[in-house]
C-alpha atoms as a PDB file:
ATOM      1  CA  MET A   1      11.570  21.607  -9.908  1.00  0.00           C
ATOM      2  CA  SER A   2      11.628  20.608 -13.579  1.00  0.00           C
ATOM      3  CA  ILE A   3      11.084  16.926 -14.395  1.00  0.00           C
ATOM      4  CA  TYR A   4      14.040  17.154 -16.760  1.00  0.00           C
ATOM      5  CA  TYR A   5      16.236  18.231 -13.864  1.00  0.00           C
ATOM      6  CA  ILE A   6      15.096  15.156 -11.922  1.00  0.00           C
ATOM      7  CA  PHE A   7      15.867  12.853 -14.872  1.00  0.00           C
ATOM      8  CA  ALA A   8      19.313  14.449 -15.233  1.00  0.00           C
ATOM      9  CA  ALA A   9      20.005  13.984 -11.526  1.00  0.00           C
ATOM     10  CA  LEU A  10      18.934  10.339 -11.715  1.00  0.00           C
ATOM     11  CA  ALA A  11      21.094   9.714 -14.756  1.00  0.00           C
ATOM     12  CA  ALA A  12      24.102  11.298 -13.061  1.00  0.00           C
ATOM     13  CA  ALA A  13      23.570   9.269  -9.884  1.00  0.00           C
ATOM     14  CA  VAL A  14      23.247   6.008 -11.813  1.00  0.00           C
ATOM     15  CA  SER A  15      26.312   6.766 -13.920  1.00  0.00           C
ATOM     16  CA  LYS A  16      28.335   7.424 -10.777  1.00  0.00           C
ATOM     17  CA  ALA A  17      27.115   4.177  -9.211  1.00  0.00           C
ATOM     18  CA  ALA A  18      27.865   2.246 -12.402  1.00  0.00           C
ATOM     19  CA  ARG A  19      31.520   3.264 -12.309  1.00  0.00           C
ATOM     20  CA  SER A  20      31.929   1.654  -8.889  1.00  0.00           C
ATOM     21  CA  ILE A  21      30.213  -1.628  -9.813  1.00  0.00           C
ATOM     22  CA  GLY A  22      32.277  -4.430 -11.304  1.00  0.00           C
ATOM     23  CA  GLY A  23      29.626  -6.047 -13.500  1.00  0.00           C
ATOM     24  CA  LYS A  24      27.269  -4.167 -15.787  1.00  0.00           C
ATOM     25  CA  ASP A  25      25.190  -7.008 -17.236  1.00  0.00           C
ATOM     26  CA  PHE A  26      22.370  -8.339 -15.096  1.00  0.00           C
ATOM     27  CA  SER A  27      19.746 -10.965 -15.919  1.00  0.00           C
ATOM     28  CA  ARG A  28      17.682 -13.624 -14.146  1.00  0.00           C
ATOM     29  CA  LYS A  29      20.781 -15.829 -13.844  1.00  0.00           C
ATOM     30  CA  SER A  30      23.021 -12.966 -12.783  1.00  0.00           C
ATOM     31  CA  ALA A  31      20.772 -11.333 -10.213  1.00  0.00           C
ATOM     32  CA  LEU A  32      21.149  -7.839  -8.874  1.00  0.00           C
ATOM     33  CA  THR A  33      22.316  -7.680  -5.264  1.00  0.00           C
ATOM     34  CA  ALA A  34      20.372  -5.601  -2.756  1.00  0.00           C
ATOM     35  CA  GLU A  35      23.258  -3.127  -2.564  1.00  0.00           C
ATOM     36  CA  THR A  36      23.353  -2.789  -6.349  1.00  0.00           C
ATOM     37  CA  VAL A  37      19.602  -2.258  -6.481  1.00  0.00           C
ATOM     38  CA  ILE A  38      19.736   0.577  -3.973  1.00  0.00           C
ATOM     39  CA  ARG A  39      22.745   2.169  -5.637  1.00  0.00           C
ATOM     40  CA  LEU A  40      20.994   2.067  -9.003  1.00  0.00           C
ATOM     41  CA  LEU A  41      17.907   3.762  -7.565  1.00  0.00           C
ATOM     42  CA  ILE A  42      15.549   0.839  -8.056  1.00  0.00           C
ATOM     43  CA  GLY A  43      12.686   2.960  -6.754  1.00  0.00           C
ATOM     44  CA  ALA A  44      12.344   4.619 -10.165  1.00  0.00           C
ATOM     45  CA  GLU A  45       9.500   3.470 -12.426  1.00  0.00           C
ATOM     46  CA  GLY A  46      10.534   0.474 -14.522  1.00  0.00           C
ATOM     47  CA  GLY A  47      10.536   1.955 -18.027  1.00  0.00           C
ATOM     48  CA  SER A  48      12.309   5.163 -17.028  1.00  0.00           C
ATOM     49  CA  LEU A  49      14.876   3.253 -14.979  1.00  0.00           C
ATOM     50  CA  ALA A  50      15.611   0.880 -17.857  1.00  0.00           C
ATOM     51  CA  LYS A  51      16.412   3.823 -20.136  1.00  0.00           C
ATOM     52  CA  ILE A  52      18.591   5.488 -17.515  1.00  0.00           C
ATOM     53  CA  LEU A  53      20.468   2.233 -16.966  1.00  0.00           C
ATOM     54  CA  HIS A  54      20.929   1.789 -20.721  1.00  0.00           C
ATOM     55  CA  ASP A  55      22.258   5.314 -21.099  1.00  0.00           C
ATOM     56  CA  ALA A  56      24.677   4.617 -18.264  1.00  0.00           C
ATOM     57  CA  GLY A  57      25.976   1.506 -20.064  1.00  0.00           C
ATOM     58  CA  ILE A  58      24.207  -0.994 -17.797  1.00  0.00           C
ATOM     59  CA  GLN A  59      22.099  -3.792 -19.244  1.00  0.00           C
ATOM     60  CA  ALA A  60      19.459  -5.161 -16.862  1.00  0.00           C
ATOM     61  CA  THR A  61      16.421  -7.165 -17.984  1.00  0.00           C
ATOM     62  CA  ALA A  62      12.933  -6.387 -16.661  1.00  0.00           C
ATOM     63  CA  SER A  63      12.814  -9.754 -14.890  1.00  0.00           C
ATOM     64  CA  ALA A  64      16.064  -8.977 -13.060  1.00  0.00           C
ATOM     65  CA  LEU A  65      14.620  -5.714 -11.779  1.00  0.00           C
ATOM     66  CA  SER A  66      11.186  -6.999 -10.763  1.00  0.00           C
ATOM     67  CA  GLN A  67      12.681 -10.113  -9.186  1.00  0.00           C
ATOM     68  CA  ARG A  68      14.910  -8.043  -6.929  1.00  0.00           C
ATOM     69  CA  ARG A  69      12.182  -5.541  -6.037  1.00  0.00           C
ATOM     70  CA  ALA A  70      10.087  -8.331  -4.582  1.00  0.00           C
ATOM     71  CA  GLN A  71      12.982  -9.500  -2.394  1.00  0.00           C
ATOM     72  CA  ILE A  72      13.734  -6.222  -0.633  1.00  0.00           C
ATOM     73  CA  PRO A  73      13.000  -7.066   3.053  1.00  0.00           C
ATOM     74  CA  LEU A  74      11.652  -3.726   4.239  1.00  0.00           C
ATOM     75  CA  PRO A  75       9.241  -3.433   7.199  1.00  0.00           C
ATOM     76  CA  LYS A  76       5.742  -2.253   6.318  1.00  0.00           C
ATOM     77  CA  TYR A  77       3.099  -0.164   8.061  1.00  0.00           C
ATOM     78  CA  GLY A  78       0.414  -2.282   9.718  1.00  0.00           C
ATOM     79  CA  ASN A  79       2.766  -4.660  11.540  1.00  0.00           C
ATOM     80  CA  ASP A  80       3.167  -2.684  14.796  1.00  0.00           C
ATOM     81  CA  LYS A  81       6.702  -1.532  13.950  1.00  0.00           C
ATOM     82  CA  LYS A  82       7.435   1.668  15.852  1.00  0.00           C
ATOM     83  CA  GLU A  83       9.949   3.095  13.382  1.00  0.00           C
ATOM     84  CA  VAL A  84       7.629   2.487  10.409  1.00  0.00           C
ATOM     85  CA  ASP A  85       4.531   3.778  12.180  1.00  0.00           C
ATOM     86  CA  ALA A  86       6.487   6.890  13.192  1.00  0.00           C
ATOM     87  CA  LEU A  87       7.170   7.614   9.506  1.00  0.00           C
ATOM     88  CA  ALA A  88       3.477   7.179   8.683  1.00  0.00           C
ATOM     89  CA  LYS A  89       2.567   9.587  11.483  1.00  0.00           C
ATOM     90  CA  GLN A  90       5.149  12.104  10.279  1.00  0.00           C
ATOM     91  CA  ILE A  91       3.642  12.067   6.776  1.00  0.00           C
ATOM     92  CA  ALA A  92       0.098  12.384   8.157  1.00  0.00           C
ATOM     93  CA  ASP A  93       1.097  15.264  10.454  1.00  0.00           C
ATOM     94  CA  HIS A  94       2.712  17.085   7.537  1.00  0.00           C
ATOM     95  CA  PHE A  95      -0.371  16.652   5.364  1.00  0.00           C
ATOM     96  CA  LEU A  96      -2.728  17.863   8.093  1.00  0.00           C
ATOM     97  CA  ALA A  97      -0.555  20.905   8.786  1.00  0.00           C
ATOM     98  CA  ARG A  98      -0.537  21.883   5.116  1.00  0.00           C
ATOM     99  CA  VAL A  99      -4.311  21.526   4.796  1.00  0.00           C
ATOM    100  CA  ASN A 100      -4.998  23.422   8.031  1.00  0.00           C
ATOM    101  CA  ALA A 101      -2.782  26.276   6.876  1.00  0.00           C
ATOM    102  CA  PHE A 102      -4.547  26.571   3.511  1.00  0.00           C
ATOM    103  CA  ARG A 103      -7.389  29.010   2.952  1.00  0.00           C
ATOM    104  CA  GLY A 104      -9.960  28.845   0.198  1.00  0.00           C
ATOM    105  CA  PRO A 105     -12.038  31.626  -1.380  1.00  0.00           C
ATOM    106  CA  GLU A 106     -13.057  34.313   1.121  1.00  0.00           C
ATOM    107  CA  ASP A 107     -10.609  32.842   3.650  1.00  0.00           C
ATOM    108  CA  THR A 108     -12.668  29.671   4.100  1.00  0.00           C
ATOM    109  CA  LEU A 109     -11.236  26.733   6.015  1.00  0.00           C
ATOM    110  CA  LEU A 110     -10.736  23.260   4.592  1.00  0.00           C
ATOM    111  CA  TYR A 111     -11.423  20.158   6.664  1.00  0.00           C
ATOM    112  CA  PRO A 112      -8.616  17.595   6.403  1.00  0.00           C
ATOM    113  CA  GLY A 113      -9.127  13.850   6.228  1.00  0.00           C
ATOM    114  CA  LEU A 114      -6.777  10.889   6.013  1.00  0.00           C
ATOM    115  CA  TYR A 115      -8.546   8.998   3.277  1.00  0.00           C
ATOM    116  CA  ASN A 116      -8.012   8.137  -0.357  1.00  0.00           C
ATOM    117  CA  ILE A 117     -11.082   7.196  -2.346  1.00  0.00           C
ATOM    118  CA  ASP A 118      -9.108   7.098  -5.603  1.00  0.00           C
ATOM    119  CA  PHE A 119      -6.638   4.425  -4.467  1.00  0.00           C
ATOM    120  CA  LYS A 120      -7.265   2.355  -7.588  1.00  0.00           C
ATOM    121  CA  ILE A 121      -6.553   5.300  -9.903  1.00  0.00           C
ATOM    122  CA  PHE A 122      -3.425   6.300  -7.979  1.00  0.00           C
ATOM    123  CA  ALA A 123      -2.138   2.720  -8.087  1.00  0.00           C
ATOM    124  CA  ASN A 124      -2.239   2.863 -11.877  1.00  0.00           C
ATOM    125  CA  VAL A 125      -0.295   6.126 -12.151  1.00  0.00           C
ATOM    126  CA  THR A 126       2.200   5.737  -9.296  1.00  0.00           C
ATOM    127  CA  GLY A 127       5.525   4.297 -10.386  1.00  0.00           C
ATOM    128  CA  ALA A 128       7.475   1.610  -8.551  1.00  0.00           C
ATOM    129  CA  THR A 129       8.465   2.622  -5.027  1.00  0.00           C
ATOM    130  CA  PRO A 130      11.629   1.883  -2.988  1.00  0.00           C
ATOM    131  CA  ASP A 131       9.816  -0.567  -0.678  1.00  0.00           C
ATOM    132  CA  GLY A 132       9.589  -3.151  -3.470  1.00  0.00           C
ATOM    133  CA  ARG A 133       6.136  -2.200  -4.765  1.00  0.00           C
ATOM    134  CA  ARG A 134       5.983  -2.411  -8.558  1.00  0.00           C
ATOM    135  CA  PHE A 135       4.261  -0.050 -10.963  1.00  0.00           C
ATOM    136  CA  ARG A 136       0.460  -0.566 -10.789  1.00  0.00           C
ATOM    137  CA  ASP A 137       0.651  -2.716  -7.638  1.00  0.00           C
ATOM    138  CA  ALA A 138      -1.911  -1.811  -4.973  1.00  0.00           C
ATOM    139  CA  ILE A 139      -1.391   1.178  -2.695  1.00  0.00           C
ATOM    140  CA  ALA A 140      -2.821   1.779   0.758  1.00  0.00           C
ATOM    141  CA  GLU A 141      -6.275   3.248   1.191  1.00  0.00           C
ATOM    142  CA  HIS A 142      -7.191   5.657   3.975  1.00  0.00           C
ATOM    143  CA  CYS A 143      -5.393   4.709   7.221  1.00  0.00           C
ATOM    144  CA  SER A 144      -5.170   1.056   6.261  1.00  0.00           C
ATOM    145  CA  PRO A 145      -2.034  -0.928   5.396  1.00  0.00           C
ATOM    146  CA  THR A 146      -1.221  -1.665   1.778  1.00  0.00           C
ATOM    147  CA  PRO A 147      -3.172  -4.844   0.886  1.00  0.00           C
ATOM    148  CA  GLY A 148      -0.988  -7.871   1.601  1.00  0.00           C
ATOM    149  CA  ALA A 149       1.544  -5.921   3.703  1.00  0.00           C
ATOM    150  CA  ALA A 150       0.087  -6.589   7.161  1.00  0.00           C
ATOM    151  CA  LYS A 151       1.415  -9.969   8.274  1.00  0.00           C
ATOM    152  CA  LYS A 152       0.865  -9.946  12.047  1.00  0.00           C
ATOM    153  CA  GLY A 153      -2.902  -9.907  12.310  1.00  0.00           C
ATOM    154  CA  PRO A 154      -5.622  -7.421  13.283  1.00  0.00           C
ATOM    155  CA  THR A 155      -4.150  -6.424  16.650  1.00  0.00           C
ATOM    156  CA  ALA A 156      -0.933  -5.223  15.002  1.00  0.00           C
ATOM    157  CA  ILE A 157      -2.994  -3.257  12.457  1.00  0.00           C
ATOM    158  CA  LEU A 158      -4.931  -1.528  15.246  1.00  0.00           C
ATOM    159  CA  ASN A 159      -1.693  -0.676  17.058  1.00  0.00           C
ATOM    160  CA  SER A 160      -0.184   0.837  13.918  1.00  0.00           C
ATOM    161  CA  ALA A 161      -3.311   2.828  13.057  1.00  0.00           C
ATOM    162  CA  SER A 162      -3.577   4.179  16.599  1.00  0.00           C
ATOM    163  CA  THR A 163      -0.301   6.054  16.102  1.00  0.00           C
ATOM    164  CA  LEU A 164      -1.823   8.180  13.328  1.00  0.00           C
ATOM    165  CA  PRO A 165      -3.541  11.513  14.056  1.00  0.00           C
ATOM    166  CA  MET A 166      -6.878  10.126  12.875  1.00  0.00           C
ATOM    167  CA  LYS A 167      -8.909  12.362  15.188  1.00  0.00           C
ATOM    168  CA  GLU A 168      -7.283  15.469  13.699  1.00  0.00           C
ATOM    169  CA  GLY A 169      -8.268  14.275  10.206  1.00  0.00           C
ATOM    170  CA  PHE A 170     -11.890  14.703  11.160  1.00  0.00           C
ATOM    171  CA  ALA A 171     -13.276  15.067   7.627  1.00  0.00           C
ATOM    172  CA  SER A 172     -12.816  11.292   7.424  1.00  0.00           C
ATOM    173  CA  SER A 173     -10.043   8.976   8.582  1.00  0.00           C
ATOM    174  CA  VAL A 174     -11.045   5.387   8.008  1.00  0.00           C
ATOM    175  CA  LEU A 175      -9.370   2.120   8.914  1.00  0.00           C
ATOM    176  CA  HIS A 176     -10.393  -0.996   6.986  1.00  0.00           C
ATOM    177  CA  LEU A 177     -10.022  -4.217   8.953  1.00  0.00           C
ATOM    178  CA  THR A 178     -10.872  -7.345   6.972  1.00  0.00           C
ATOM    179  CA  LEU A 179     -10.864 -10.779   8.589  1.00  0.00           C
ATOM    180  CA  ASP A 180     -10.919 -14.260   7.097  1.00  0.00           C
ATOM    181  CA  LYS A 181     -13.961 -16.239   8.241  1.00  0.00           C
ATOM    182  CA  ASN A 182     -12.011 -19.478   8.118  1.00  0.00           C
ATOM    183  CA  GLY A 183      -9.533 -18.134  10.675  1.00  0.00           C
ATOM    184  CA  TYR A 184     -12.169 -18.005  13.414  1.00  0.00           C
ATOM    185  CA  SER A 185     -14.490 -20.582  14.943  1.00  0.00           C
ATOM    186  CA  MET A 186     -18.235 -20.392  14.470  1.00  0.00           C
ATOM    187  CA  GLY A 187     -20.698 -19.051  16.983  1.00  0.00           C
ATOM    188  CA  ALA A 188     -19.939 -17.156  20.175  1.00  0.00           C
ATOM    189  CA  ASP A 189     -16.162 -17.159  19.662  1.00  0.00           C
ATOM    190  CA  ARG A 190     -16.453 -15.182  16.439  1.00  0.00           C
ATOM    191  CA  ILE A 191     -18.820 -12.670  18.032  1.00  0.00           C
ATOM    192  CA  LYS A 192     -16.494 -12.314  21.010  1.00  0.00           C
ATOM    193  CA  ILE A 193     -13.515 -11.654  18.734  1.00  0.00           C
ATOM    194  CA  ILE A 194     -15.379  -8.946  16.834  1.00  0.00           C
ATOM    195  CA  ASP A 195     -16.580  -7.385  20.086  1.00  0.00           C
ATOM    196  CA  THR A 196     -13.008  -7.377  21.416  1.00  0.00           C
ATOM    197  CA  LEU A 197     -11.713  -5.689  18.261  1.00  0.00           C
ATOM    198  CA  LEU A 198     -14.410  -3.018  18.423  1.00  0.00           C
ATOM    199  CA  ARG A 199     -13.654  -2.289  22.076  1.00  0.00           C
ATOM    200  CA  ALA A 200      -9.918  -2.202  21.361  1.00  0.00           C
ATOM    201  CA  SER A 201     -10.502   0.266  18.495  1.00  0.00           C
ATOM    202  CA  GLU A 202     -12.502   2.537  20.795  1.00  0.00           C
ATOM    203  CA  LYS A 203      -9.810   2.331  23.478  1.00  0.00           C
ATOM    204  CA  LYS A 204      -7.126   3.234  20.940  1.00  0.00           C
ATOM    205  CA  LYS A 205      -9.226   6.191  19.736  1.00  0.00           C
ATOM    206  CA  ILE A 206      -9.743   4.963  16.184  1.00  0.00           C
ATOM    207  CA  PRO A 207     -12.735   7.086  15.080  1.00  0.00           C
ATOM    208  CA  VAL A 208     -13.942   5.137  12.030  1.00  0.00           C
ATOM    209  CA  LEU A 209     -13.493   1.379  11.705  1.00  0.00           C
ATOM    210  CA  SER A 210     -14.816  -0.520   8.697  1.00  0.00           C
ATOM    211  CA  LEU A 211     -14.869  -4.118   9.902  1.00  0.00           C
ATOM    212  CA  THR A 212     -15.669  -6.893   7.442  1.00  0.00           C
ATOM    213  CA  MET A 213     -15.274 -10.656   7.412  1.00  0.00           C
ATOM    214  CA  TYR A 214     -15.031 -12.762   4.265  1.00  0.00           C
ATOM    215  CA  ASP A 215     -14.305 -16.329   3.282  1.00  0.00           C
ATOM    216  CA  LYS A 216     -11.069 -15.907   1.333  1.00  0.00           C
ATOM    217  CA  ALA A 217     -11.502 -19.270  -0.377  1.00  0.00           C
ATOM    218  CA  GLU A 218     -14.985 -18.214  -1.521  1.00  0.00           C
ATOM    219  CA  LEU A 219     -13.660 -14.975  -3.011  1.00  0.00           C
ATOM    220  CA  LEU A 220     -10.939 -16.844  -4.887  1.00  0.00           C
ATOM    221  CA  ASP A 221     -13.500 -19.330  -6.184  1.00  0.00           C
ATOM    222  CA  ALA A 222     -15.740 -16.445  -7.272  1.00  0.00           C
ATOM    223  CA  GLN A 223     -12.932 -15.211  -9.498  1.00  0.00           C
ATOM    224  CA  LEU A 224     -12.731 -18.617 -11.167  1.00  0.00           C
ATOM    225  CA  HIS A 225     -16.478 -19.356 -11.248  1.00  0.00           C
ATOM    226  CA  PRO A 226     -18.367 -16.035 -11.095  1.00  0.00           C
ATOM    227  CA  GLU A 227     -21.629 -17.653 -12.175  1.00  0.00           C
ATOM    228  CA  LYS A 228     -21.746 -19.517  -8.830  1.00  0.00           C
ATOM    229  CA  HIS A 229     -21.374 -16.387  -6.703  1.00  0.00           C
ATOM    230  CA  LEU A 230     -23.668 -13.785  -8.246  1.00  0.00           C
ATOM    231  CA  ASP A 231     -25.103 -12.865  -4.808  1.00  0.00           C
ATOM    232  CA  LEU A 232     -21.723 -12.318  -3.116  1.00  0.00           C
ATOM    233  CA  ILE A 233     -21.680  -8.758  -1.699  1.00  0.00           C
ATOM    234  CA  VAL A 234     -18.493  -7.036  -0.519  1.00  0.00           C
ATOM    235  CA  ARG A 235     -17.604  -3.664   0.950  1.00  0.00           C
ATOM    236  CA  VAL A 236     -15.377  -1.670  -1.429  1.00  0.00           C
ATOM    237  CA  TRP A 237     -14.948   1.534   0.595  1.00  0.00           C
ATOM    238  CA  GLY A 238     -17.906   3.929   0.842  1.00  0.00           C
ATOM    239  CA  PHE A 239     -20.210   1.516  -0.909  1.00  0.00           C
ATOM    240  CA  GLN A 240     -21.050  -2.150  -1.308  1.00  0.00           C
ATOM    241  CA  ALA A 241     -21.008  -4.074  -4.571  1.00  0.00           C
ATOM    242  CA  ARG A 242     -21.436  -7.516  -6.046  1.00  0.00           C
ATOM    243  CA  PHE A 243     -17.991  -9.065  -6.026  1.00  0.00           C
ATOM    244  CA  THR A 244     -18.371 -10.595  -9.481  1.00  0.00           C
ATOM    245  CA  GLU A 245     -19.195  -7.187 -11.013  1.00  0.00           C
ATOM    246  CA  LEU A 246     -15.891  -5.631  -9.884  1.00  0.00           C
ATOM    247  CA  ASP A 247     -12.863  -5.679 -12.171  1.00  0.00           C
ATOM    248  CA  LYS A 248     -10.024  -8.025 -11.243  1.00  0.00           C
ATOM    249  CA  GLU A 249      -7.855  -5.254  -9.790  1.00  0.00           C
ATOM    250  CA  LEU A 250     -10.501  -4.359  -7.227  1.00  0.00           C
ATOM    251  CA  GLN A 251     -11.245  -8.024  -6.552  1.00  0.00           C
ATOM    252  CA  ASP A 252      -7.560  -8.676  -5.834  1.00  0.00           C
ATOM    253  CA  HIS A 253      -7.426  -5.544  -3.699  1.00  0.00           C
ATOM    254  CA  ILE A 254     -10.293  -6.771  -1.495  1.00  0.00           C
ATOM    255  CA  ILE A 255      -8.818 -10.267  -1.204  1.00  0.00           C
ATOM    256  CA  ASN A 256      -5.417  -8.901  -0.212  1.00  0.00           C
ATOM    257  CA  ARG A 257      -6.989  -6.759   2.530  1.00  0.00           C
ATOM    258  CA  ILE A 258      -7.696  -9.906   4.529  1.00  0.00           C
ATOM    259  CA  SER A 259      -5.383 -10.135   7.526  1.00  0.00           C
END
């Protein structure tokens, strides 16, 4: 399908929606309603959407759009929501089926995996999405929730991940589980919690679990005073690195993993 056809379809849809909306001027003081946002296809990337709106005779400032995106109360993967996890499984099943059906040179097989090592690159080229994520905001990596989206703790994350066909993505299907040190007591209790999570992961048939524990306050302080934390090592994905040597996008990504 031609990209120009998609733009034309978007423009037509927005124009149709505009005719049924009383007001056409939106700003921070005159906020977009959730219904208006959906009807104006707020999932489009900001710059393209602004042009489409302008061509349709609708004036909406960037702050009005971004403000409303952040307020869309949609459930997110990683919170043990059956309907959301079912969608994630459907997408994973579709991907695995396509890869398994593909044949390379000389009819060779490809091994599928549910992982995304280029999550930082994709975040910078993926436009705003209908769930409220803005252009260049973080996207999920591997079988993990989008950083900052999991609000119900590690058990809910394990439950969500267990619904995915991780075993069928045997090339590599990784779940990152990052805990905040300050949320757990010192000594035996912390060890017991980690042991419980590992056993629960095995019981739920999660094949690869990357379990880390950081002091969130320390990471935030390292962003402000890097010279004080030169020996702070973190797990990025397939490698470890000094936290202070990562760019801010990756630093924020790691901090927002913490559940």
